[in-house]
Amino acid sequence: MPTRYKFCFGPWNISEGQDPYGPTTRPAQDFDWKLCALKKLGFDAMMFHDDDAVPDIDGKSDSQIRKEAKELKKKLDDAGIAAEMVAPRLWFSPNTIDGAYTSNDPKHRQYAIDRSLRCIEIGKILGTDLIVLWLAREGTYLREAKNGRRSVDLLVEAFDKMLAADKKARLSIEPKPNEPMDHAYIPTIGHALAIAQLTRDPKRVGCLIESAHAILAGLDPADEIDFAMAFGKLWSLHLNDQNGLKFDQDKPFGSTNLRSAFNQVRALERNGYGAKGEYVCFDVHPFRTTKPEHWLAHLDNSRKTFLRLVEKARSYDDATAKKLIANRDYAALDQMVIEHLLGK
């Protein structure tokens, strides 16, 4: 049976328009407003950073964190919304300037692990076993500042402590090749799946693919999806778009390269993504110029584009395509895809 996809986004995807060069362009909205917006759009789940779930987490006790996480769980239950994942936001803290798990300061490495264990506890309360690790500052600006081999060992050590803390938790690594670091230690899905094999429980270490991050690594997101699913390790997904090798743009899905978006959907379809309950998440941001009255359009449009491309994938003429491939008539295949996307 065809997959019935479930959709989610995070509170940060309703952003206020601030960028490194200028202030916000829209007024801030509280969490309840964002939860109501998610429900209004008909999405199924919300993804969280640990401090989305429990604001100012570093200044709170374990009992306070549990209390606030339980209050959030009730809000989600009342709205009929699931928590898709929780991720420790380890790139904002002054303790992680030089990295988190790979910091040269052992006190800061311990901070990162302690916060990650708190994140796992929040996930348990919210009803999700999926812990996403965007290893944002696990890299260097200066190669001589860190030992790459030692950094791999430190990452494995941190992952092992998380896996030992909760026998049901699953770690989903979200690779990105650069930004905010000059070079990251886990830049691609291949690196993520390789380091999983060094952990105490490789079956519980998988990955999350973000379209823009794959493009920034010079890779095809559809190929990354196929690769991860060949291992059964694609546990979450951030669909968006990216205009070349620039900063991480988080554009609406299909905004820049509709054919690439089509092939990502085809990869999801042929691999049965979603059949085990996985969500399609849109990690997209409104353009800075967006007016408050159009604030949710980037999310609604991304899902509309995705569903239209699902129709295109399911109506694609595979029989004719196979004949063209067998005859090595790739020019005709190329045109066939173009005309299919154009609606001819």
Protein backbone atom coordinates (compact mmCIF):
# COMPACT_ATOMS: atom_id res chain seq x y z
CA MET A 1 0.00 0.00 0.00
CA PRO A 2 1.24 3.54 -0.73
CA THR A 3 2.59 5.37 2.31
CA ARG A 4 0.36 7.85 4.06
CA TYR A 5 2.90 10.47 5.04
CA LYS A 6 2.91 12.30 8.38
CA PHE A 7 4.33 15.82 8.65
CA CYS A 8 6.03 17.97 11.23
CA PHE A 9 8.09 21.10 11.80
CA GLY A 10 9.77 22.82 14.75
CA PRO A 11 9.09 26.06 16.62
CA TRP A 12 12.23 27.59 15.06
CA ASN A 13 10.66 27.24 11.61
CA ILE A 14 8.38 30.17 12.43
CA SER A 15 11.30 32.56 12.71
CA GLU A 16 11.22 36.34 13.05
CA GLY A 17 13.57 37.26 10.18
CA GLN A 18 16.76 38.15 12.01
CA ASP A 19 19.98 37.36 10.15
CA PRO A 20 23.67 38.07 10.86
CA TYR A 21 23.33 41.44 9.17
CA GLY A 22 20.08 42.78 10.53
CA PRO A 23 17.36 42.65 13.19
CA THR A 24 14.03 40.84 13.24
CA THR A 25 11.33 41.82 10.74
CA ARG A 26 8.37 40.16 12.45
CA PRO A 27 7.19 40.24 16.10
CA ALA A 28 8.05 37.24 18.25
CA GLN A 29 5.27 34.72 19.01
CA ASP A 30 5.10 32.40 22.00
CA PHE A 31 5.07 28.62 21.90
CA ASP A 32 1.31 28.32 22.33
CA TRP A 33 0.79 30.46 19.21
CA LYS A 34 3.19 28.22 17.26
CA LEU A 35 1.51 25.04 18.47
CA CYS A 36 -1.86 26.46 17.43
CA ALA A 37 -0.40 27.34 14.00
CA LEU A 38 0.93 23.80 13.57
CA LYS A 39 -2.46 22.37 14.47
CA LYS A 40 -4.24 24.83 12.17
CA LEU A 41 -2.08 23.77 9.22
CA GLY A 42 -2.95 20.12 9.89
CA PHE A 43 0.54 18.89 10.73
CA ASP A 44 0.90 15.77 12.84
CA ALA A 45 3.93 16.37 15.06
CA MET A 46 6.41 18.94 16.32
CA MET A 47 10.17 18.52 16.62
CA PHE A 48 12.03 20.09 19.53
CA HIS A 49 15.38 21.24 20.75
CA ASP A 50 15.75 20.57 24.45
CA ASP A 51 15.41 24.28 25.24
CA ASP A 52 12.33 24.57 23.01
CA ALA A 53 10.75 22.02 25.34
CA VAL A 54 12.22 23.51 28.54
CA PRO A 55 13.35 27.13 28.07
CA ASP A 56 16.47 28.24 29.96
CA ILE A 57 17.28 24.59 30.57
CA ASP A 58 20.78 25.21 31.95
CA GLY A 59 19.41 27.22 34.86
CA LYS A 60 16.91 24.61 36.01
CA SER A 61 17.11 21.59 38.26
CA ASP A 62 16.31 18.06 37.12
CA SER A 63 12.97 18.20 38.95
CA GLN A 64 12.07 21.51 37.27
CA ILE A 65 12.95 20.07 33.88
CA ARG A 66 10.77 17.01 34.45
CA LYS A 67 7.88 19.19 35.63
CA GLU A 68 8.00 21.48 32.59
CA ALA A 69 8.42 18.57 30.20
CA LYS A 70 5.30 16.95 31.67
CA GLU A 71 3.39 20.21 31.27
CA LEU A 72 4.47 20.35 27.61
CA LYS A 73 3.42 16.73 27.09
CA LYS A 74 -0.07 17.59 28.32
CA LYS A 75 -0.25 20.53 25.90
CA LEU A 76 0.75 18.28 23.02
CA ASP A 77 -1.71 15.57 24.05
CA ASP A 78 -4.53 18.10 24.34
CA ALA A 79 -3.72 19.34 20.82
CA GLY A 80 -3.41 15.82 19.42
CA ILE A 81 0.20 16.50 18.39
CA ALA A 82 3.13 14.11 18.83
CA ALA A 83 6.73 14.99 19.67
CA GLU A 84 8.80 13.70 16.75
CA MET A 85 12.26 14.13 18.28
CA VAL A 86 14.31 16.10 20.78
CA ALA A 87 17.79 17.48 20.07
CA PRO A 88 20.30 18.98 22.53
CA ARG A 89 21.05 22.52 21.39
CA LEU A 90 24.78 22.37 22.06
CA TRP A 91 25.89 25.22 19.81
CA PHE A 92 24.44 28.19 21.74
CA SER A 93 26.12 27.71 25.10
CA PRO A 94 29.31 29.56 26.13
CA ASN A 95 30.49 26.12 27.24
CA THR A 96 30.64 24.93 23.61
CA ILE A 97 32.60 27.68 21.91
CA ASP A 98 35.38 25.18 21.15
CA GLY A 99 32.99 22.32 20.44
CA ALA A 100 30.77 20.18 22.63
CA TYR A 101 31.70 16.49 22.68
CA THR A 102 35.05 17.31 21.02
CA SER A 103 35.97 20.40 23.04
CA ASN A 104 39.58 20.59 24.16
CA ASP A 105 38.29 21.41 27.66
CA PRO A 106 37.18 18.27 29.58
CA LYS A 107 34.75 20.32 31.72
CA HIS A 108 32.98 21.47 28.57
CA ARG A 109 32.86 17.93 27.17
CA GLN A 110 31.21 16.83 30.41
CA TYR A 111 28.72 19.69 30.13
CA ALA A 112 27.74 18.49 26.65
CA ILE A 113 27.23 14.92 27.84
CA ASP A 114 25.25 15.97 30.92
CA ARG A 115 22.97 18.16 28.82
CA SER A 116 22.50 15.35 26.30
CA LEU A 117 21.41 13.00 29.08
CA ARG A 118 18.89 15.60 30.20
CA CYS A 119 17.67 15.77 26.60
CA ILE A 120 17.11 12.01 26.59
CA GLU A 121 15.05 12.34 29.78
CA ILE A 122 12.91 15.06 28.14
CA GLY A 123 12.39 12.79 25.14
CA LYS A 124 11.16 9.97 27.38
CA ILE A 125 8.64 12.29 29.03
CA LEU A 126 7.44 13.62 25.66
CA GLY A 127 7.03 10.09 24.33
CA THR A 128 9.82 9.95 21.76
CA ASP A 129 12.93 7.77 21.73
CA LEU A 130 14.52 9.75 18.87
CA ILE A 131 17.42 12.01 19.87
CA VAL A 132 18.78 14.04 16.96
CA LEU A 133 22.42 15.12 17.08
CA TRP A 134 23.36 18.02 14.84
CA LEU A 135 27.08 18.12 15.61
CA ALA A 136 27.26 21.82 14.86
CA ARG A 137 30.54 22.72 16.55
CA GLU A 138 32.24 19.33 16.34
CA GLY A 139 34.98 20.50 14.03
CA THR A 140 37.65 23.17 13.81
CA TYR A 141 38.50 26.55 12.36
CA LEU A 142 42.16 25.53 12.53
CA ARG A 143 43.25 21.97 11.75
CA GLU A 144 46.15 22.06 14.18
CA ALA A 145 43.82 22.97 17.07
CA LYS A 146 42.35 19.47 17.32
CA ASN A 147 43.37 15.90 16.64
CA GLY A 148 40.89 14.39 14.17
CA ARG A 149 41.39 10.81 15.37
CA ARG A 150 41.01 11.83 19.00
CA SER A 151 37.84 13.73 18.10
CA VAL A 152 36.33 10.58 16.60
CA ASP A 153 37.13 8.74 19.83
CA LEU A 154 35.53 11.52 21.89
CA LEU A 155 32.38 11.42 19.76
CA VAL A 156 32.08 7.65 20.20
CA GLU A 157 32.65 8.03 23.95
CA ALA A 158 29.81 10.58 24.17
CA PHE A 159 27.46 8.46 22.05
CA ASP A 160 28.18 5.41 24.19
CA LYS A 161 27.29 7.28 27.37
CA MET A 162 23.98 8.33 25.84
CA LEU A 163 23.20 4.81 24.65
CA ALA A 164 24.04 3.39 28.07
CA ALA A 165 21.82 5.91 29.87
CA ASP A 166 18.64 4.74 28.13
CA LYS A 167 18.38 1.32 26.49
CA LYS A 168 15.56 2.51 24.20
CA ALA A 169 16.99 5.82 23.01
CA ARG A 170 17.97 6.06 19.33
CA LEU A 171 20.59 8.56 18.20
CA SER A 172 20.01 10.12 14.80
CA ILE A 173 23.05 12.02 13.48
CA GLU A 174 22.33 15.00 11.23
CA PRO A 175 25.45 15.66 9.09
CA LYS A 176 26.52 19.01 7.72
CA PRO A 177 29.92 19.73 6.12
CA ASN A 178 30.48 23.28 7.40
CA GLU A 179 28.85 26.29 9.08
CA PRO A 180 29.20 27.23 11.84
CA MET A 181 32.56 25.41 11.79
CA ASP A 182 34.99 25.70 8.91
CA HIS A 183 35.12 21.89 8.66
CA ALA A 184 32.92 19.39 10.49
CA TYR A 185 34.04 15.93 11.57
CA ILE A 186 30.84 14.18 10.44
CA PRO A 187 30.03 15.94 7.13
CA THR A 188 27.99 13.28 5.30
CA ILE A 189 25.64 10.36 5.82
CA GLY A 190 28.49 7.99 5.04
CA HIS A 191 30.47 9.42 7.95
CA ALA A 192 27.44 9.17 10.24
CA LEU A 193 26.79 5.52 9.41
CA ALA A 194 30.49 4.69 9.71
CA ILE A 195 30.88 6.17 13.18
CA ALA A 196 27.74 4.31 14.25
CA GLN A 197 29.66 1.07 13.82
CA LEU A 198 32.16 2.14 16.47
CA THR A 199 29.53 2.59 19.18
CA ARG A 200 28.42 0.09 21.80
CA ASP A 201 25.07 -0.44 20.01
CA PRO A 202 25.26 0.38 16.27
CA LYS A 203 21.64 -0.66 15.75
CA ARG A 204 20.53 2.36 17.77
CA VAL A 205 22.61 4.92 15.88
CA GLY A 206 21.16 6.14 12.61
CA CYS A 207 20.83 9.39 10.73
CA LEU A 208 18.75 12.34 9.67
CA ILE A 209 19.14 13.78 6.17
CA GLU A 210 18.63 17.46 5.45
CA SER A 211 18.35 18.37 1.77
CA ALA A 212 20.33 21.62 2.11
CA HIS A 213 23.13 19.97 4.10
CA ALA A 214 23.61 17.33 1.40
CA ILE A 215 23.75 20.05 -1.27
CA LEU A 216 26.30 22.00 0.80
CA ALA A 217 28.46 18.85 0.78
CA GLY A 218 28.21 18.74 -3.03
CA LEU A 219 25.99 15.65 -2.88
CA ASP A 220 22.59 14.72 -4.27
CA PRO A 221 19.99 14.48 -1.48
CA ALA A 222 18.17 11.66 -3.30
CA ASP A 223 21.37 9.59 -3.37
CA GLU A 224 21.89 10.25 0.33
CA ILE A 225 18.32 9.06 1.02
CA ASP A 226 18.86 5.87 -0.98
CA PHE A 227 22.18 5.24 0.76
CA ALA A 228 20.80 5.69 4.28
CA MET A 229 17.75 3.55 3.57
CA ALA A 230 19.91 0.77 2.15
CA PHE A 231 21.13 0.43 5.75
CA GLY A 232 17.66 0.91 7.27
CA LYS A 233 19.02 3.94 9.10
CA LEU A 234 17.01 6.94 7.84
CA TRP A 235 14.96 7.74 10.94
CA SER A 236 14.09 11.36 10.24
CA LEU A 237 14.19 13.84 7.41
CA HIS A 238 14.50 17.60 6.98
CA LEU A 239 13.27 18.58 3.53
CA ASN A 240 14.10 22.05 2.24
CA ASP A 241 16.08 23.59 -0.61
CA GLN A 242 19.36 25.33 -1.19
CA ASN A 243 20.68 27.63 -3.91
CA GLY A 244 24.20 26.30 -4.33
CA LEU A 245 27.19 26.24 -2.00
CA LYS A 246 26.29 29.23 0.15
CA PHE A 247 25.12 29.61 3.72
CA ASP A 248 22.41 27.21 4.89
CA GLN A 249 19.31 28.80 3.35
CA ASP A 250 16.47 26.48 4.49
CA LYS A 251 14.34 27.51 1.53
CA PRO A 252 10.89 25.98 0.97
CA PHE A 253 11.01 22.45 -0.43
CA GLY A 254 11.31 22.51 -4.22
CA SER A 255 11.88 26.28 -4.25
CA THR A 256 15.19 26.17 -6.14
CA ASN A 257 15.42 22.78 -7.83
CA LEU A 258 12.09 21.09 -8.50
CA ARG A 259 13.69 18.15 -10.28
CA SER A 260 15.94 17.43 -7.31
CA ALA A 261 12.88 17.61 -5.04
CA PHE A 262 11.07 15.16 -7.36
CA ASN A 263 13.94 12.70 -7.13
CA GLN A 264 14.03 13.00 -3.34
CA VAL A 265 10.35 12.08 -3.22
CA ARG A 266 10.95 9.17 -5.61
CA ALA A 267 13.72 7.90 -3.32
CA LEU A 268 11.39 8.07 -0.33
CA GLU A 269 8.66 6.28 -2.26
CA ARG A 270 10.80 3.42 -3.54
CA ASN A 271 12.30 2.82 -0.11
CA GLY A 272 9.02 2.90 1.80
CA TYR A 273 9.96 5.83 4.01
CA GLY A 274 7.23 6.44 6.56
CA ALA A 275 6.04 2.85 6.69
CA LYS A 276 7.55 2.47 10.17
CA GLY A 277 6.10 5.73 11.48
CA GLU A 278 8.84 8.10 10.30
CA TYR A 279 7.83 11.72 9.73
CA VAL A 280 8.49 14.08 6.84
CA CYS A 281 9.83 17.21 8.53
CA PHE A 282 10.21 20.57 6.83
CA ASP A 283 13.18 22.51 8.18
CA VAL A 284 12.30 25.64 6.26
CA HIS A 285 12.27 29.32 7.16
CA PRO A 286 10.16 32.21 5.87
CA PHE A 287 11.99 34.69 3.71
CA ARG A 288 13.17 37.69 5.73
CA THR A 289 10.86 39.91 3.66
CA THR A 290 7.76 37.88 4.64
CA LYS A 291 4.95 39.86 6.25
CA PRO A 292 3.39 38.52 9.47
CA GLU A 293 0.13 37.76 7.65
CA HIS A 294 2.02 35.39 5.32
CA TRP A 295 4.08 33.85 8.12
CA LEU A 296 3.06 30.20 7.63
CA ALA A 297 3.09 30.06 3.83
CA HIS A 298 6.57 28.49 3.58
CA LEU A 299 5.42 25.51 5.65
CA ASP A 300 2.08 25.08 3.90
CA ASN A 301 3.72 25.48 0.48
CA SER A 302 6.44 22.92 1.27
CA ARG A 303 3.85 20.30 2.15
CA LYS A 304 1.76 21.15 -0.94
CA THR A 305 4.83 20.77 -3.15
CA PHE A 306 5.74 17.49 -1.48
CA LEU A 307 2.26 16.02 -1.98
CA ARG A 308 2.13 17.16 -5.61
CA LEU A 309 5.49 15.48 -6.17
CA VAL A 310 4.18 12.31 -4.54
CA GLU A 311 1.46 12.33 -7.21
CA LYS A 312 4.13 12.88 -9.87
CA ALA A 313 6.25 10.04 -8.51
CA ARG A 314 3.31 7.63 -8.42
CA SER A 315 2.16 8.56 -11.94
CA TYR A 316 5.65 8.36 -13.44
CA ASP A 317 5.73 6.02 -16.45
CA ASP A 318 8.17 3.41 -15.14
CA ALA A 319 7.53 1.01 -18.02
CA THR A 320 8.54 3.55 -20.65
CA ALA A 321 11.46 4.71 -18.54
CA LYS A 322 12.79 1.14 -18.30
CA LYS A 323 12.64 0.75 -22.08
CA LEU A 324 14.56 3.99 -22.59
CA ILE A 325 17.15 2.93 -20.02
CA ALA A 326 17.55 -0.48 -21.67
CA ASN A 327 18.11 1.28 -25.00
CA ARG A 328 20.48 3.78 -23.32
CA ASP A 329 18.35 6.59 -24.74
CA TYR A 330 19.03 8.94 -21.88
CA ALA A 331 18.21 12.03 -23.94
CA ALA A 332 14.65 10.78 -24.34
CA LEU A 333 14.54 9.84 -20.65
CA ASP A 334 15.70 13.32 -19.72
CA GLN A 335 12.96 14.92 -21.80
CA MET A 336 10.39 12.49 -20.45
CA VAL A 337 11.14 13.60 -16.89
CA ILE A 338 11.01 17.28 -17.86
CA GLU A 339 7.66 16.89 -19.60
CA HIS A 340 6.28 14.86 -16.71
CA LEU A 341 7.15 17.66 -14.29
CA LEU A 342 5.75 20.25 -16.68
CA GLY A 343 2.47 18.36 -16.76
CA LYS A 344 2.59 17.39 -20.43
